[in-house]
Amino acid sequence: MSVILDPTDERVPLRRNLAKRPEMITGTVALLDISKPRGNVLLDQLESKLLEQLPDVKIKRYIKPTFTKPAPHELRKTIAAEADFVIEGLAD
């Protein structure tokens, strides 16, 4: 019989507070494509829906060079400077 051991200690679960959420989405929304196949299709649909629902919001698109690594520091800095919200599109 095999035994699977979990190295995490959940006897005392961590309590985390959610970050305060804004009441409205305003300003610029960044859509980050992580470069997975068809992720752009998801983000195209999402962009369309966002603009339908929130016509005053500006959408900016960004793309990671590869999905196998975190976004490069410069890309993260650019997004942070240019956007008020970020939506990262995952697909497969």
N, C-alpha and C. Protein backbone atom coordinates (compact mmCIF):
# COMPACT_ATOMS: atom_id res chain seq x y z
N MET A 1 0.83 -1.17 0.00
CA MET A 1 0.00 0.00 0.00
C MET A 1 0.89 1.24 0.00
N SER A 2 0.56 2.21 -0.86
CA SER A 2 1.32 3.46 -0.94
C SER A 2 0.75 4.49 0.02
N VAL A 3 1.62 5.34 0.52
CA VAL A 3 1.21 6.42 1.41
C VAL A 3 1.65 7.73 0.77
N ILE A 4 0.72 8.66 0.67
CA ILE A 4 1.05 9.99 0.14
C ILE A 4 1.14 10.92 1.33
N LEU A 5 2.27 11.57 1.46
CA LEU A 5 2.48 12.50 2.56
C LEU A 5 2.38 13.93 2.05
N ASP A 6 1.66 14.75 2.78
CA ASP A 6 1.50 16.16 2.44
C ASP A 6 2.40 16.96 3.39
N PRO A 7 3.37 17.70 2.85
CA PRO A 7 4.31 18.42 3.71
C PRO A 7 3.73 19.66 4.38
N THR A 8 2.52 20.05 4.01
CA THR A 8 1.93 21.24 4.62
C THR A 8 1.28 20.88 5.94
N ASP A 9 1.26 21.81 6.83
CA ASP A 9 0.67 21.61 8.15
C ASP A 9 -0.64 22.39 8.20
N GLU A 10 -1.75 21.71 8.10
CA GLU A 10 -3.05 22.36 8.09
C GLU A 10 -3.79 22.24 9.41
N ARG A 11 -3.08 21.86 10.47
CA ARG A 11 -3.75 21.76 11.76
C ARG A 11 -4.28 23.11 12.22
N VAL A 12 -3.54 24.16 11.86
CA VAL A 12 -3.98 25.52 12.15
C VAL A 12 -4.02 26.25 10.81
N PRO A 13 -5.19 26.25 10.15
CA PRO A 13 -5.26 26.89 8.83
C PRO A 13 -4.89 28.37 8.88
N LEU A 14 -4.23 28.83 7.83
CA LEU A 14 -3.90 30.24 7.73
C LEU A 14 -5.15 31.05 7.46
N ARG A 15 -5.28 32.16 8.14
CA ARG A 15 -6.40 33.07 7.88
C ARG A 15 -5.86 34.23 7.07
N ARG A 16 -6.51 34.48 5.97
CA ARG A 16 -6.09 35.58 5.10
C ARG A 16 -7.26 36.50 4.85
N ASN A 17 -6.99 37.77 4.87
CA ASN A 17 -8.02 38.76 4.55
C ASN A 17 -7.96 39.09 3.08
N LEU A 18 -9.13 39.21 2.48
CA LEU A 18 -9.17 39.62 1.09
C LEU A 18 -8.81 41.10 0.98
N ALA A 19 -8.14 41.44 -0.09
CA ALA A 19 -7.83 42.85 -0.34
C ALA A 19 -9.14 43.59 -0.59
N LYS A 20 -9.20 44.83 -0.19
CA LYS A 20 -10.41 45.62 -0.40
C LYS A 20 -10.66 45.76 -1.89
N ARG A 21 -11.89 45.52 -2.28
CA ARG A 21 -12.28 45.60 -3.68
C ARG A 21 -12.93 46.95 -3.96
N PRO A 22 -12.60 47.57 -5.08
CA PRO A 22 -13.27 48.82 -5.43
C PRO A 22 -14.74 48.56 -5.75
N GLU A 23 -15.56 49.57 -5.56
CA GLU A 23 -16.98 49.41 -5.84
C GLU A 23 -17.27 49.43 -7.33
N MET A 24 -16.41 50.09 -8.09
CA MET A 24 -16.62 50.20 -9.53
C MET A 24 -15.31 49.97 -10.27
N ILE A 25 -15.42 49.47 -11.49
CA ILE A 25 -14.25 49.34 -12.36
C ILE A 25 -14.20 50.60 -13.21
N THR A 26 -13.13 51.38 -13.02
CA THR A 26 -12.94 52.61 -13.77
C THR A 26 -11.50 52.69 -14.23
N GLY A 27 -11.24 53.57 -15.17
CA GLY A 27 -9.87 53.77 -15.62
C GLY A 27 -9.47 52.77 -16.67
N THR A 28 -8.29 52.18 -16.50
CA THR A 28 -7.71 51.28 -17.49
C THR A 28 -7.63 49.86 -16.95
N VAL A 29 -8.10 48.92 -17.76
CA VAL A 29 -8.02 47.50 -17.43
C VAL A 29 -6.97 46.86 -18.33
N ALA A 30 -5.99 46.22 -17.73
CA ALA A 30 -4.96 45.50 -18.49
C ALA A 30 -5.42 44.06 -18.69
N LEU A 31 -5.35 43.58 -19.91
CA LEU A 31 -5.61 42.17 -20.21
C LEU A 31 -4.27 41.55 -20.54
N LEU A 32 -3.84 40.63 -19.71
CA LEU A 32 -2.52 40.00 -19.87
C LEU A 32 -2.68 38.60 -20.44
N ASP A 33 -2.19 38.42 -21.64
CA ASP A 33 -2.17 37.12 -22.31
C ASP A 33 -0.88 36.43 -21.89
N ILE A 34 -0.98 35.23 -21.33
CA ILE A 34 0.23 34.55 -20.85
C ILE A 34 0.90 33.70 -21.93
N SER A 35 0.41 33.79 -23.16
CA SER A 35 1.01 33.09 -24.31
C SER A 35 0.67 31.61 -24.38
N LYS A 36 -0.43 31.22 -23.78
CA LYS A 36 -0.89 29.84 -23.94
C LYS A 36 -1.80 29.80 -25.16
N PRO A 37 -1.90 28.66 -25.81
CA PRO A 37 -2.75 28.56 -26.99
C PRO A 37 -4.20 28.98 -26.69
N ARG A 38 -4.74 29.81 -27.55
CA ARG A 38 -6.12 30.30 -27.51
C ARG A 38 -6.42 31.24 -26.35
N GLY A 39 -5.41 31.63 -25.61
CA GLY A 39 -5.63 32.62 -24.55
C GLY A 39 -6.11 33.93 -25.13
N ASN A 40 -5.61 34.27 -26.31
CA ASN A 40 -6.03 35.50 -26.96
C ASN A 40 -7.51 35.46 -27.34
N VAL A 41 -8.02 34.27 -27.65
CA VAL A 41 -9.44 34.13 -27.98
C VAL A 41 -10.29 34.45 -26.76
N LEU A 42 -9.90 33.93 -25.60
CA LEU A 42 -10.59 34.23 -24.36
C LEU A 42 -10.56 35.73 -24.08
N LEU A 43 -9.39 36.34 -24.22
CA LEU A 43 -9.26 37.77 -23.91
C LEU A 43 -10.01 38.63 -24.92
N ASP A 44 -10.09 38.20 -26.18
CA ASP A 44 -10.88 38.93 -27.18
C ASP A 44 -12.35 38.99 -26.74
N GLN A 45 -12.87 37.84 -26.31
CA GLN A 45 -14.26 37.76 -25.87
C GLN A 45 -14.47 38.61 -24.61
N LEU A 46 -13.53 38.51 -23.69
CA LEU A 46 -13.63 39.27 -22.45
C LEU A 46 -13.59 40.78 -22.72
N GLU A 47 -12.69 41.19 -23.60
CA GLU A 47 -12.60 42.62 -23.95
C GLU A 47 -13.92 43.12 -24.51
N SER A 48 -14.50 42.33 -25.39
CA SER A 48 -15.79 42.71 -25.99
C SER A 48 -16.87 42.87 -24.91
N LYS A 49 -16.93 41.92 -24.00
CA LYS A 49 -17.93 41.98 -22.92
C LYS A 49 -17.68 43.16 -21.98
N LEU A 50 -16.42 43.40 -21.65
CA LEU A 50 -16.10 44.53 -20.77
C LEU A 50 -16.52 45.86 -21.41
N LEU A 51 -16.21 46.03 -22.68
CA LEU A 51 -16.55 47.28 -23.36
C LEU A 51 -18.06 47.44 -23.52
N GLU A 52 -18.77 46.32 -23.63
CA GLU A 52 -20.24 46.36 -23.68
C GLU A 52 -20.80 46.86 -22.35
N GLN A 53 -20.28 46.31 -21.27
CA GLN A 53 -20.78 46.62 -19.93
C GLN A 53 -20.23 47.92 -19.35
N LEU A 54 -18.99 48.24 -19.72
CA LEU A 54 -18.29 49.40 -19.15
C LEU A 54 -17.68 50.24 -20.28
N PRO A 55 -18.51 50.96 -21.03
CA PRO A 55 -18.00 51.67 -22.21
C PRO A 55 -16.96 52.75 -21.92
N ASP A 56 -16.90 53.25 -20.69
CA ASP A 56 -15.92 54.29 -20.35
C ASP A 56 -14.56 53.74 -19.94
N VAL A 57 -14.46 52.44 -19.78
CA VAL A 57 -13.20 51.81 -19.38
C VAL A 57 -12.29 51.69 -20.59
N LYS A 58 -11.02 51.95 -20.38
CA LYS A 58 -10.02 51.77 -21.44
C LYS A 58 -9.37 50.40 -21.26
N ILE A 59 -9.18 49.68 -22.35
CA ILE A 59 -8.56 48.35 -22.30
C ILE A 59 -7.17 48.45 -22.93
N LYS A 60 -6.18 47.89 -22.25
CA LYS A 60 -4.83 47.78 -22.81
C LYS A 60 -4.44 46.31 -22.78
N ARG A 61 -3.86 45.84 -23.88
CA ARG A 61 -3.47 44.43 -23.99
C ARG A 61 -1.96 44.28 -23.82
N TYR A 62 -1.59 43.22 -23.13
CA TYR A 62 -0.18 42.89 -22.90
C TYR A 62 -0.02 41.39 -23.13
N ILE A 63 1.19 40.98 -23.44
CA ILE A 63 1.45 39.56 -23.65
C ILE A 63 2.81 39.19 -23.05
N LYS A 64 2.81 38.07 -22.33
CA LYS A 64 4.07 37.55 -21.80
C LYS A 64 4.83 36.86 -22.92
N PRO A 65 6.15 36.86 -22.87
CA PRO A 65 6.92 36.17 -23.90
C PRO A 65 6.72 34.65 -23.88
N THR A 66 6.47 34.09 -22.71
CA THR A 66 6.26 32.65 -22.58
C THR A 66 5.43 32.36 -21.34
N PHE A 67 4.63 31.30 -21.40
CA PHE A 67 3.83 30.94 -20.23
C PHE A 67 4.63 30.15 -19.21
N THR A 68 5.83 29.73 -19.58
CA THR A 68 6.61 28.86 -18.69
C THR A 68 7.34 29.61 -17.57
N LYS A 69 7.33 30.94 -17.64
CA LYS A 69 8.03 31.74 -16.63
C LYS A 69 7.14 32.90 -16.21
N PRO A 70 7.40 33.46 -15.04
CA PRO A 70 6.64 34.66 -14.63
C PRO A 70 6.88 35.81 -15.62
N ALA A 71 5.96 36.74 -15.62
CA ALA A 71 6.12 37.93 -16.49
C ALA A 71 7.42 38.63 -16.12
N PRO A 72 8.16 39.10 -17.13
CA PRO A 72 9.41 39.82 -16.85
C PRO A 72 9.13 41.07 -15.99
N HIS A 73 10.12 41.42 -15.21
CA HIS A 73 10.00 42.57 -14.31
C HIS A 73 9.57 43.83 -15.05
N GLU A 74 10.16 44.10 -16.19
CA GLU A 74 9.83 45.32 -16.95
C GLU A 74 8.37 45.32 -17.39
N LEU A 75 7.86 44.17 -17.80
CA LEU A 75 6.45 44.07 -18.20
C LEU A 75 5.55 44.34 -16.99
N ARG A 76 5.87 43.78 -15.86
CA ARG A 76 5.08 44.02 -14.64
C ARG A 76 5.09 45.49 -14.25
N LYS A 77 6.25 46.12 -14.36
CA LYS A 77 6.36 47.55 -14.05
C LYS A 77 5.50 48.38 -15.01
N THR A 78 5.54 48.04 -16.28
CA THR A 78 4.76 48.76 -17.28
C THR A 78 3.26 48.64 -16.99
N ILE A 79 2.82 47.42 -16.73
CA ILE A 79 1.40 47.20 -16.43
C ILE A 79 1.00 47.98 -15.18
N ALA A 80 1.81 47.92 -14.15
CA ALA A 80 1.50 48.63 -12.90
C ALA A 80 1.39 50.13 -13.12
N ALA A 81 2.23 50.68 -14.01
CA ALA A 81 2.22 52.11 -14.28
C ALA A 81 1.05 52.53 -15.17
N GLU A 82 0.58 51.62 -16.03
CA GLU A 82 -0.40 51.99 -17.04
C GLU A 82 -1.83 51.54 -16.75
N ALA A 83 -2.03 50.68 -15.77
CA ALA A 83 -3.37 50.11 -15.56
C ALA A 83 -3.83 50.19 -14.12
N ASP A 84 -5.14 50.25 -13.96
CA ASP A 84 -5.76 50.28 -12.64
C ASP A 84 -6.19 48.89 -12.19
N PHE A 85 -6.46 48.01 -13.15
CA PHE A 85 -6.89 46.64 -12.91
C PHE A 85 -6.15 45.73 -13.87
N VAL A 86 -5.95 44.48 -13.47
CA VAL A 86 -5.31 43.49 -14.35
C VAL A 86 -6.15 42.22 -14.37
N ILE A 87 -6.38 41.71 -15.57
CA ILE A 87 -7.02 40.41 -15.73
C ILE A 87 -6.03 39.56 -16.52
N GLU A 88 -5.65 38.44 -15.95
CA GLU A 88 -4.69 37.54 -16.60
C GLU A 88 -5.47 36.39 -17.22
N GLY A 89 -5.29 36.19 -18.53
CA GLY A 89 -6.05 35.16 -19.23
C GLY A 89 -5.29 33.85 -19.30
N LEU A 90 -5.90 32.82 -18.76
CA LEU A 90 -5.34 31.47 -18.84
C LEU A 90 -6.19 30.65 -19.80
N ALA A 91 -5.58 29.76 -20.52
CA ALA A 91 -6.35 28.93 -21.45
C ALA A 91 -5.66 27.59 -21.64
N ASP A 92 -6.40 26.65 -22.15
CA ASP A 92 -5.91 25.32 -22.55
C ASP A 92 -7.07 24.47 -22.91
